Amino acid sequence: MRTIDLILLLNDFKKNNRVFVELKDQKIAVVDLKVVDDEIILQTSNKLHGLKNWEFLLLLNKKPYYEMPVFYDTKNSHQQLFGFRVANDCLLLG
C-alpha cells in the first residue's frame, strides 16, 4: 500500500484510535516510522503505547512520502502493508 492511500483511508476514523500492527493473534503498537531506501518502515514495540491516529497521520503526511510503499517490522524481515481493520477502537494494520 502506498502512503497516500493509507492516509486517505485513515482520515475517516477517529483521531484518538490507537494504531497497531496485527501479527497472527498479536497486537503490536506502532510507535514511530523511518524512511529506508524510499520505503516507509513502521517501528513497533510491545512495551510502549501505540500512536494515536492523529499522531500517526502527522508523521505520514509529508509530500515526499506519498508514493512510498509502507512496510512493518517483523522479527526476521519487513512485510508490506496491504490493509487494515478496525476492532475495539483500534486500527489494526496488516
PDB file of N, CA and C in Angstrom:
ATOM      1  N   MET A   1       0.848  -1.174   0.000  1.00  0.00           N
ATOM      2  CA  MET A   1       0.000   0.000   0.000  1.00  0.00           C
ATOM      3  C   MET A   1       0.892   1.235   0.000  1.00  0.00           C
ATOM      4  N   ARG A   2       0.513   2.209  -0.797  1.00  0.00           N
ATOM      5  CA  ARG A   2       1.238   3.474  -0.818  1.00  0.00           C
ATOM      6  C   ARG A   2       0.808   4.334   0.371  1.00  0.00           C
ATOM      7  N   THR A   3       1.683   5.223   0.767  1.00  0.00           N
ATOM      8  CA  THR A   3       1.420   6.105   1.903  1.00  0.00           C
ATOM      9  C   THR A   3       0.184   6.966   1.682  1.00  0.00           C
ATOM     10  N   ILE A   4       0.041   7.550   0.505  1.00  0.00           N
ATOM     11  CA  ILE A   4      -1.108   8.431   0.245  1.00  0.00           C
ATOM     12  C   ILE A   4      -2.417   7.671   0.373  1.00  0.00           C
ATOM     13  N   ASP A   5      -2.453   6.396  -0.064  1.00  0.00           N
ATOM     14  CA  ASP A   5      -3.671   5.595   0.054  1.00  0.00           C
ATOM     15  C   ASP A   5      -4.011   5.351   1.518  1.00  0.00           C
ATOM     16  N   LEU A   6      -3.003   5.046   2.319  1.00  0.00           N
ATOM     17  CA  LEU A   6      -3.217   4.814   3.753  1.00  0.00           C
ATOM     18  C   LEU A   6      -3.719   6.080   4.439  1.00  0.00           C
ATOM     19  N   ILE A   7      -3.135   7.221   4.105  1.00  0.00           N
ATOM     20  CA  ILE A   7      -3.564   8.500   4.687  1.00  0.00           C
ATOM     21  C   ILE A   7      -5.036   8.762   4.382  1.00  0.00           C
ATOM     22  N   LEU A   8      -5.418   8.577   3.135  1.00  0.00           N
ATOM     23  CA  LEU A   8      -6.804   8.831   2.734  1.00  0.00           C
ATOM     24  C   LEU A   8      -7.781   7.911   3.457  1.00  0.00           C
ATOM     25  N   LEU A   9      -7.422   6.661   3.638  1.00  0.00           N
ATOM     26  CA  LEU A   9      -8.294   5.716   4.344  1.00  0.00           C
ATOM     27  C   LEU A   9      -8.402   6.043   5.833  1.00  0.00           C
ATOM     28  N   LEU A  10      -7.286   6.390   6.460  1.00  0.00           N
ATOM     29  CA  LEU A  10      -7.290   6.638   7.908  1.00  0.00           C
ATOM     30  C   LEU A  10      -7.949   7.951   8.293  1.00  0.00           C
ATOM     31  N   ASN A  11      -8.075   8.879   7.351  1.00  0.00           N
ATOM     32  CA  ASN A  11      -8.721  10.169   7.645  1.00  0.00           C
ATOM     33  C   ASN A  11     -10.178  10.019   8.063  1.00  0.00           C
ATOM     34  N   ASP A  12     -10.805   8.904   7.731  1.00  0.00           N
ATOM     35  CA  ASP A  12     -12.214   8.694   8.056  1.00  0.00           C
ATOM     36  C   ASP A  12     -12.451   8.158   9.467  1.00  0.00           C
ATOM     37  N   PHE A  13     -11.390   7.892  10.203  1.00  0.00           N
ATOM     38  CA  PHE A  13     -11.547   7.291  11.533  1.00  0.00           C
ATOM     39  C   PHE A  13     -11.266   8.305  12.636  1.00  0.00           C
ATOM     40  N   LYS A  14     -11.665   7.946  13.851  1.00  0.00           N
ATOM     41  CA  LYS A  14     -11.496   8.841  14.993  1.00  0.00           C
ATOM     42  C   LYS A  14     -10.027   9.190  15.216  1.00  0.00           C
ATOM     43  N   LYS A  15      -9.794  10.404  15.658  1.00  0.00           N
ATOM     44  CA  LYS A  15      -8.434  10.884  15.882  1.00  0.00           C
ATOM     45  C   LYS A  15      -7.715  10.133  16.993  1.00  0.00           C
ATOM     46  N   ASN A  16      -8.458   9.669  17.993  1.00  0.00           N
ATOM     47  CA  ASN A  16      -7.816   9.045  19.153  1.00  0.00           C
ATOM     48  C   ASN A  16      -7.752   7.525  19.098  1.00  0.00           C
ATOM     49  N   ASN A  17      -8.125   6.924  17.970  1.00  0.00           N
ATOM     50  CA  ASN A  17      -7.948   5.478  17.818  1.00  0.00           C
ATOM     51  C   ASN A  17      -6.459   5.158  17.849  1.00  0.00           C
ATOM     52  N   ARG A  18      -6.081   4.109  18.556  1.00  0.00           N
ATOM     53  CA  ARG A  18      -4.682   3.677  18.602  1.00  0.00           C
ATOM     54  C   ARG A  18      -4.358   2.863  17.355  1.00  0.00           C
ATOM     55  N   VAL A  19      -3.088   2.944  16.921  1.00  0.00           N
ATOM     56  CA  VAL A  19      -2.646   2.254  15.714  1.00  0.00           C
ATOM     57  C   VAL A  19      -1.732   1.099  16.111  1.00  0.00           C
ATOM     58  N   PHE A  20      -2.060  -0.099  15.616  1.00  0.00           N
ATOM     59  CA  PHE A  20      -1.295  -1.305  15.900  1.00  0.00           C
ATOM     60  C   PHE A  20      -1.029  -2.061  14.611  1.00  0.00           C
ATOM     61  N   VAL A  21       0.002  -2.889  14.634  1.00  0.00           N
ATOM     62  CA  VAL A  21       0.233  -3.877  13.583  1.00  0.00           C
ATOM     63  C   VAL A  21      -0.285  -5.192  14.124  1.00  0.00           C
ATOM     64  N   GLU A  22      -1.038  -5.902  13.303  1.00  0.00           N
ATOM     65  CA  GLU A  22      -1.603  -7.187  13.717  1.00  0.00           C
ATOM     66  C   GLU A  22      -0.779  -8.317  13.103  1.00  0.00           C
ATOM     67  N   LEU A  23      -0.131  -9.092  13.966  1.00  0.00           N
ATOM     68  CA  LEU A  23       0.640 -10.253  13.542  1.00  0.00           C
ATOM     69  C   LEU A  23       0.010 -11.490  14.153  1.00  0.00           C
ATOM     70  N   LYS A  24      -0.582 -12.312  13.308  1.00  0.00           N
ATOM     71  CA  LYS A  24      -1.312 -13.501  13.754  1.00  0.00           C
ATOM     72  C   LYS A  24      -2.347 -13.084  14.792  1.00  0.00           C
ATOM     73  N   ASP A  25      -2.201 -13.467  16.056  1.00  0.00           N
ATOM     74  CA  ASP A  25      -3.168 -13.087  17.095  1.00  0.00           C
ATOM     75  C   ASP A  25      -2.649 -11.997  18.016  1.00  0.00           C
ATOM     76  N   GLN A  26      -1.568 -11.322  17.639  1.00  0.00           N
ATOM     77  CA  GLN A  26      -0.946 -10.301  18.474  1.00  0.00           C
ATOM     78  C   GLN A  26      -1.219  -8.901  17.937  1.00  0.00           C
ATOM     79  N   LYS A  27      -1.335  -7.946  18.867  1.00  0.00           N
ATOM     80  CA  LYS A  27      -1.376  -6.525  18.518  1.00  0.00           C
ATOM     81  C   LYS A  27      -0.068  -5.919  18.990  1.00  0.00           C
ATOM     82  N   ILE A  28       0.676  -5.304  18.070  1.00  0.00           N
ATOM     83  CA  ILE A  28       1.943  -4.670  18.417  1.00  0.00           C
ATOM     84  C   ILE A  28       1.824  -3.186  18.098  1.00  0.00           C
ATOM     85  N   ALA A  29       2.118  -2.350  19.066  1.00  0.00           N
ATOM     86  CA  ALA A  29       1.927  -0.901  18.934  1.00  0.00           C
ATOM     87  C   ALA A  29       2.882  -0.282  17.917  1.00  0.00           C
ATOM     88  N   VAL A  30       2.337   0.579  17.072  1.00  0.00           N
ATOM     89  CA  VAL A  30       3.159   1.383  16.165  1.00  0.00           C
ATOM     90  C   VAL A  30       3.599   2.610  16.951  1.00  0.00           C
ATOM     91  N   VAL A  31       4.926   2.808  17.058  1.00  0.00           N
ATOM     92  CA  VAL A  31       5.450   3.896  17.886  1.00  0.00           C
ATOM     93  C   VAL A  31       6.208   4.962  17.094  1.00  0.00           C
ATOM     94  N   ASP A  32       6.606   4.650  15.859  1.00  0.00           N
ATOM     95  CA  ASP A  32       7.360   5.611  15.053  1.00  0.00           C
ATOM     96  C   ASP A  32       7.460   5.069  13.634  1.00  0.00           C
ATOM     97  N   LEU A  33       8.104   5.832  12.767  1.00  0.00           N
ATOM     98  CA  LEU A  33       8.386   5.345  11.420  1.00  0.00           C
ATOM     99  C   LEU A  33       9.741   5.861  10.994  1.00  0.00           C
ATOM    100  N   LYS A  34      10.338   5.156  10.034  1.00  0.00           N
ATOM    101  CA  LYS A  34      11.595   5.617   9.452  1.00  0.00           C
ATOM    102  C   LYS A  34      11.535   5.384   7.950  1.00  0.00           C
ATOM    103  N   VAL A  35      12.349   6.132   7.217  1.00  0.00           N
ATOM    104  CA  VAL A  35      12.426   6.011   5.768  1.00  0.00           C
ATOM    105  C   VAL A  35      13.749   5.342   5.434  1.00  0.00           C
ATOM    106  N   VAL A  36      13.662   4.213   4.706  1.00  0.00           N
ATOM    107  CA  VAL A  36      14.850   3.479   4.287  1.00  0.00           C
ATOM    108  C   VAL A  36      14.670   3.110   2.819  1.00  0.00           C
ATOM    109  N   ASP A  37      15.583   3.534   1.970  1.00  0.00           N
ATOM    110  CA  ASP A  37      15.550   3.184   0.544  1.00  0.00           C
ATOM    111  C   ASP A  37      14.190   3.456  -0.100  1.00  0.00           C
ATOM    112  N   ASP A  38      13.648   4.636   0.106  1.00  0.00           N
ATOM    113  CA  ASP A  38      12.353   5.032  -0.461  1.00  0.00           C
ATOM    114  C   ASP A  38      11.209   4.125  -0.022  1.00  0.00           C
ATOM    115  N   GLU A  39      11.274   3.634   1.187  1.00  0.00           N
ATOM    116  CA  GLU A  39      10.198   2.853   1.788  1.00  0.00           C
ATOM    117  C   GLU A  39       9.936   3.392   3.186  1.00  0.00           C
ATOM    118  N   ILE A  40       8.677   3.387   3.591  1.00  0.00           N
ATOM    119  CA  ILE A  40       8.302   3.745   4.959  1.00  0.00           C
ATOM    120  C   ILE A  40       8.296   2.453   5.776  1.00  0.00           C
ATOM    121  N   ILE A  41       9.058   2.424   6.853  1.00  0.00           N
ATOM    122  CA  ILE A  41       9.104   1.261   7.741  1.00  0.00           C
ATOM    123  C   ILE A  41       8.483   1.669   9.078  1.00  0.00           C
ATOM    124  N   LEU A  42       7.397   1.020   9.467  1.00  0.00           N
ATOM    125  CA  LEU A  42       6.748   1.312  10.740  1.00  0.00           C
ATOM    126  C   LEU A  42       7.535   0.650  11.867  1.00  0.00           C
ATOM    127  N   GLN A  43       7.856   1.428  12.875  1.00  0.00           N
ATOM    128  CA  GLN A  43       8.568   0.914  14.039  1.00  0.00           C
ATOM    129  C   GLN A  43       7.544   0.481  15.076  1.00  0.00           C
ATOM    130  N   THR A  44       7.726  -0.695  15.642  1.00  0.00           N
ATOM    131  CA  THR A  44       6.751  -1.243  16.581  1.00  0.00           C
ATOM    132  C   THR A  44       7.406  -1.557  17.919  1.00  0.00           C
ATOM    133  N   SER A  45       6.554  -1.719  18.946  1.00  0.00           N
ATOM    134  CA  SER A  45       7.042  -2.044  20.275  1.00  0.00           C
ATOM    135  C   SER A  45       5.951  -2.763  21.064  1.00  0.00           C
ATOM    136  N   ASN A  46       6.350  -3.751  21.823  1.00  0.00           N
ATOM    137  CA  ASN A  46       5.428  -4.438  22.734  1.00  0.00           C
ATOM    138  C   ASN A  46       5.292  -3.694  24.050  1.00  0.00           C
ATOM    139  N   LYS A  47       6.241  -2.815  24.356  1.00  0.00           N
ATOM    140  CA  LYS A  47       6.317  -2.193  25.674  1.00  0.00           C
ATOM    141  C   LYS A  47       5.729  -0.795  25.747  1.00  0.00           C
ATOM    142  N   LEU A  48       5.525  -0.152  24.601  1.00  0.00           N
ATOM    143  CA  LEU A  48       5.040   1.225  24.594  1.00  0.00           C
ATOM    144  C   LEU A  48       3.605   1.293  24.094  1.00  0.00           C
ATOM    145  N   HIS A  49       2.914   2.378  24.460  1.00  0.00           N
ATOM    146  CA  HIS A  49       1.568   2.617  23.921  1.00  0.00           C
ATOM    147  C   HIS A  49       1.690   3.016  22.462  1.00  0.00           C
ATOM    148  N   GLY A  50       0.749   2.572  21.658  1.00  0.00           N
ATOM    149  CA  GLY A  50       0.763   2.910  20.245  1.00  0.00           C
ATOM    150  C   GLY A  50       0.425   4.359  20.002  1.00  0.00           C
ATOM    151  N   LEU A  51       0.823   4.839  18.844  1.00  0.00           N
ATOM    152  CA  LEU A  51       0.461   6.187  18.441  1.00  0.00           C
ATOM    153  C   LEU A  51      -1.042   6.273  18.241  1.00  0.00           C
ATOM    154  N   LYS A  52      -1.576   7.441  18.471  1.00  0.00           N
ATOM    155  CA  LYS A  52      -2.974   7.694  18.131  1.00  0.00           C
ATOM    156  C   LYS A  52      -3.046   7.999  16.641  1.00  0.00           C
ATOM    157  N   ASN A  53      -4.216   7.847  16.074  1.00  0.00           N
ATOM    158  CA  ASN A  53      -4.397   8.042  14.634  1.00  0.00           C
ATOM    159  C   ASN A  53      -3.903   9.415  14.192  1.00  0.00           C
ATOM    160  N   TRP A  54      -4.210  10.469  14.916  1.00  0.00           N
ATOM    161  CA  TRP A  54      -3.794  11.813  14.512  1.00  0.00           C
ATOM    162  C   TRP A  54      -2.268  11.950  14.549  1.00  0.00           C
ATOM    163  N   GLU A  55      -1.604  11.309  15.527  1.00  0.00           N
ATOM    164  CA  GLU A  55      -0.140  11.361  15.602  1.00  0.00           C
ATOM    165  C   GLU A  55       0.485  10.600  14.428  1.00  0.00           C
ATOM    166  N   PHE A  56      -0.094   9.445  14.130  1.00  0.00           N
ATOM    167  CA  PHE A  56       0.380   8.623  13.029  1.00  0.00           C
ATOM    168  C   PHE A  56       0.237   9.362  11.700  1.00  0.00           C
ATOM    169  N   LEU A  57      -0.916   9.995  11.496  1.00  0.00           N
ATOM    170  CA  LEU A  57      -1.140  10.755  10.263  1.00  0.00           C
ATOM    171  C   LEU A  57      -0.198  11.952  10.155  1.00  0.00           C
ATOM    172  N   LEU A  58       0.108  12.565  11.273  1.00  0.00           N
ATOM    173  CA  LEU A  58       1.042  13.691  11.276  1.00  0.00           C
ATOM    174  C   LEU A  58       2.426  13.250  10.800  1.00  0.00           C
ATOM    175  N   LEU A  59       2.867  12.070  11.223  1.00  0.00           N
ATOM    176  CA  LEU A  59       4.160  11.543  10.784  1.00  0.00           C
ATOM    177  C   LEU A  59       4.160  11.163   9.306  1.00  0.00           C
ATOM    178  N   LEU A  60       3.058  10.602   8.835  1.00  0.00           N
ATOM    179  CA  LEU A  60       2.973  10.112   7.454  1.00  0.00           C
ATOM    180  C   LEU A  60       2.737  11.197   6.417  1.00  0.00           C
ATOM    181  N   ASN A  61       2.030  12.239   6.787  1.00  0.00           N
ATOM    182  CA  ASN A  61       1.527  13.206   5.814  1.00  0.00           C
ATOM    183  C   ASN A  61       2.591  14.228   5.405  1.00  0.00           C
ATOM    184  N   LYS A  62       3.564  13.735   4.646  1.00  0.00           N
ATOM    185  CA  LYS A  62       4.610  14.586   4.083  1.00  0.00           C
ATOM    186  C   LYS A  62       4.687  14.277   2.593  1.00  0.00           C
ATOM    187  N   LYS A  63       4.669  15.290   1.769  1.00  0.00           N
ATOM    188  CA  LYS A  63       4.591  15.102   0.322  1.00  0.00           C
ATOM    189  C   LYS A  63       5.654  14.142  -0.233  1.00  0.00           C
ATOM    190  N   PRO A  64       6.919  14.187   0.215  1.00  0.00           N
ATOM    191  CA  PRO A  64       7.904  13.247  -0.330  1.00  0.00           C
ATOM    192  C   PRO A  64       7.576  11.775  -0.034  1.00  0.00           C
ATOM    193  N   TYR A  65       6.745  11.500   0.966  1.00  0.00           N
ATOM    194  CA  TYR A  65       6.396  10.126   1.344  1.00  0.00           C
ATOM    195  C   TYR A  65       5.227   9.554   0.540  1.00  0.00           C
ATOM    196  N   TYR A  66       4.459  10.375  -0.148  1.00  0.00           N
ATOM    197  CA  TYR A  66       3.181   9.955  -0.726  1.00  0.00           C
ATOM    198  C   TYR A  66       3.252   8.717  -1.616  1.00  0.00           C
ATOM    199  N   GLU A  67       4.263   8.587  -2.429  1.00  0.00           N
ATOM    200  CA  GLU A  67       4.349   7.460  -3.365  1.00  0.00           C
ATOM    201  C   GLU A  67       5.114   6.267  -2.801  1.00  0.00           C
ATOM    202  N   MET A  68       5.634   6.377  -1.579  1.00  0.00           N
ATOM    203  CA  MET A  68       6.427   5.290  -0.993  1.00  0.00           C
ATOM    204  C   MET A  68       5.521   4.178  -0.464  1.00  0.00           C
ATOM    205  N   PRO A  69       5.933   2.926  -0.633  1.00  0.00           N
ATOM    206  CA  PRO A  69       5.178   1.818  -0.039  1.00  0.00           C
ATOM    207  C   PRO A  69       5.420   1.767   1.469  1.00  0.00           C
ATOM    208  N   VAL A  70       4.455   1.214   2.202  1.00  0.00           N
ATOM    209  CA  VAL A  70       4.543   1.128   3.660  1.00  0.00           C
ATOM    210  C   VAL A  70       4.821  -0.329   4.058  1.00  0.00           C
ATOM    211  N   PHE A  71       5.812  -0.504   4.926  1.00  0.00           N
ATOM    212  CA  PHE A  71       6.187  -1.813   5.448  1.00  0.00           C
ATOM    213  C   PHE A  71       6.146  -1.766   6.961  1.00  0.00           C
ATOM    214  N   TYR A  72       6.111  -2.927   7.601  1.00  0.00           N
ATOM    215  CA  TYR A  72       6.228  -3.009   9.055  1.00  0.00           C
ATOM    216  C   TYR A  72       7.245  -4.072   9.416  1.00  0.00           C
ATOM    217  N   ASP A  73       7.884  -3.871  10.569  1.00  0.00           N
ATOM    218  CA  ASP A  73       8.908  -4.792  11.045  1.00  0.00           C
ATOM    219  C   ASP A  73       8.302  -6.083  11.550  1.00  0.00           C
ATOM    220  N   THR A  74       8.947  -7.186  11.215  1.00  0.00           N
ATOM    221  CA  THR A  74       8.699  -8.459  11.873  1.00  0.00           C
ATOM    222  C   THR A  74      10.042  -8.885  12.448  1.00  0.00           C
ATOM    223  N   LYS A  75      10.085  -9.990  13.130  1.00  0.00           N
ATOM    224  CA  LYS A  75      11.344 -10.392  13.761  1.00  0.00           C
ATOM    225  C   LYS A  75      12.471 -10.585  12.751  1.00  0.00           C
ATOM    226  N   ASN A  76      12.172 -11.157  11.598  1.00  0.00           N
ATOM    227  CA  ASN A  76      13.227 -11.508  10.644  1.00  0.00           C
ATOM    228  C   ASN A  76      13.299 -10.622   9.411  1.00  0.00           C
ATOM    229  N   SER A  77      12.249  -9.880   9.129  1.00  0.00           N
ATOM    230  CA  SER A  77      12.237  -9.113   7.883  1.00  0.00           C
ATOM    231  C   SER A  77      11.186  -8.004   7.951  1.00  0.00           C
ATOM    232  N   HIS A  78      10.944  -7.392   6.807  1.00  0.00           N
ATOM    233  CA  HIS A  78       9.889  -6.395   6.673  1.00  0.00           C
ATOM    234  C   HIS A  78       8.776  -6.994   5.822  1.00  0.00           C
ATOM    235  N   GLN A  79       7.535  -6.724   6.193  1.00  0.00           N
ATOM    236  CA  GLN A  79       6.376  -7.167   5.433  1.00  0.00           C
ATOM    237  C   GLN A  79       5.653  -5.932   4.911  1.00  0.00           C
ATOM    238  N   GLN A  80       5.185  -6.004   3.688  1.00  0.00           N
ATOM    239  CA  GLN A  80       4.460  -4.868   3.130  1.00  0.00           C
ATOM    240  C   GLN A  80       3.054  -4.808   3.706  1.00  0.00           C
ATOM    241  N   LEU A  81       2.605  -3.591   3.966  1.00  0.00           N
ATOM    242  CA  LEU A  81       1.263  -3.352   4.478  1.00  0.00           C
ATOM    243  C   LEU A  81       0.267  -3.436   3.329  1.00  0.00           C
ATOM    244  N   PHE A  82      -0.795  -4.229   3.522  1.00  0.00           N
ATOM    245  CA  PHE A  82      -1.794  -4.387   2.473  1.00  0.00           C
ATOM    246  C   PHE A  82      -3.154  -3.828   2.866  1.00  0.00           C
ATOM    247  N   GLY A  83      -3.383  -3.564   4.131  1.00  0.00           N
ATOM    248  CA  GLY A  83      -4.669  -3.042   4.548  1.00  0.00           C
ATOM    249  C   GLY A  83      -4.754  -2.954   6.052  1.00  0.00           C
ATOM    250  N   PHE A  84      -5.976  -2.785   6.542  1.00  0.00           N
ATOM    251  CA  PHE A  84      -6.191  -2.714   7.986  1.00  0.00           C
ATOM    252  C   PHE A  84      -7.630  -3.060   8.285  1.00  0.00           C
ATOM    253  N   ARG A  85      -7.893  -3.290   9.566  1.00  0.00           N
ATOM    254  CA  ARG A  85      -9.263  -3.480  10.026  1.00  0.00           C
ATOM    255  C   ARG A  85      -9.420  -2.728  11.335  1.00  0.00           C
ATOM    256  N   VAL A  86     -10.644  -2.523  11.739  1.00  0.00           N
ATOM    257  CA  VAL A  86     -10.955  -1.805  12.971  1.00  0.00           C
ATOM    258  C   VAL A  86     -11.579  -2.762  13.958  1.00  0.00           C
ATOM    259  N   ALA A  87     -11.072  -2.778  15.199  1.00  0.00           N
ATOM    260  CA  ALA A  87     -11.619  -3.606  16.254  1.00  0.00           C
ATOM    261  C   ALA A  87     -11.386  -2.930  17.596  1.00  0.00           C
ATOM    262  N   ASN A  88     -12.423  -2.813  18.401  1.00  0.00           N
ATOM    263  CA  ASN A  88     -12.329  -2.218  19.742  1.00  0.00           C
ATOM    264  C   ASN A  88     -11.638  -0.860  19.743  1.00  0.00           C
ATOM    265  N   ASP A  89     -12.039   0.015  18.844  1.00  0.00           N
ATOM    266  CA  ASP A  89     -11.460   1.367  18.719  1.00  0.00           C
ATOM    267  C   ASP A  89      -9.969   1.351  18.439  1.00  0.00           C
ATOM    268  N   CYS A  90      -9.467   0.300  17.819  1.00  0.00           N
ATOM    269  CA  CYS A  90      -8.065   0.213  17.415  1.00  0.00           C
ATOM    270  C   CYS A  90      -7.995   0.011  15.913  1.00  0.00           C
ATOM    271  N   LEU A  91      -6.993   0.615  15.294  1.00  0.00           N
ATOM    272  CA  LEU A  91      -6.731   0.412  13.870  1.00  0.00           C
ATOM    273  C   LEU A  91      -5.643  -0.645  13.772  1.00  0.00           C
ATOM    274  N   LEU A  92      -5.986  -1.804  13.226  1.00  0.00           N
ATOM    275  CA  LEU A  92      -5.073  -2.945  13.160  1.00  0.00           C
ATOM    276  C   LEU A  92      -4.553  -3.072  11.739  1.00  0.00           C
ATOM    277  N   LEU A  93      -3.312  -2.647  11.533  1.00  0.00           N
ATOM    278  CA  LEU A  93      -2.687  -2.686  10.221  1.00  0.00           C
ATOM    279  C   LEU A  93      -2.151  -4.088   9.953  1.00  0.00           C
ATOM    280  N   GLY A  94      -2.167  -4.484   8.703  1.00  0.00           N
ATOM    281  CA  GLY A  94      -1.623  -5.814   8.390  1.00  0.00           C
ATOM    282  C   GLY A  94      -1.428  -6.022   6.921  1.00  0.00           C
TER     283      GLY A  94
END
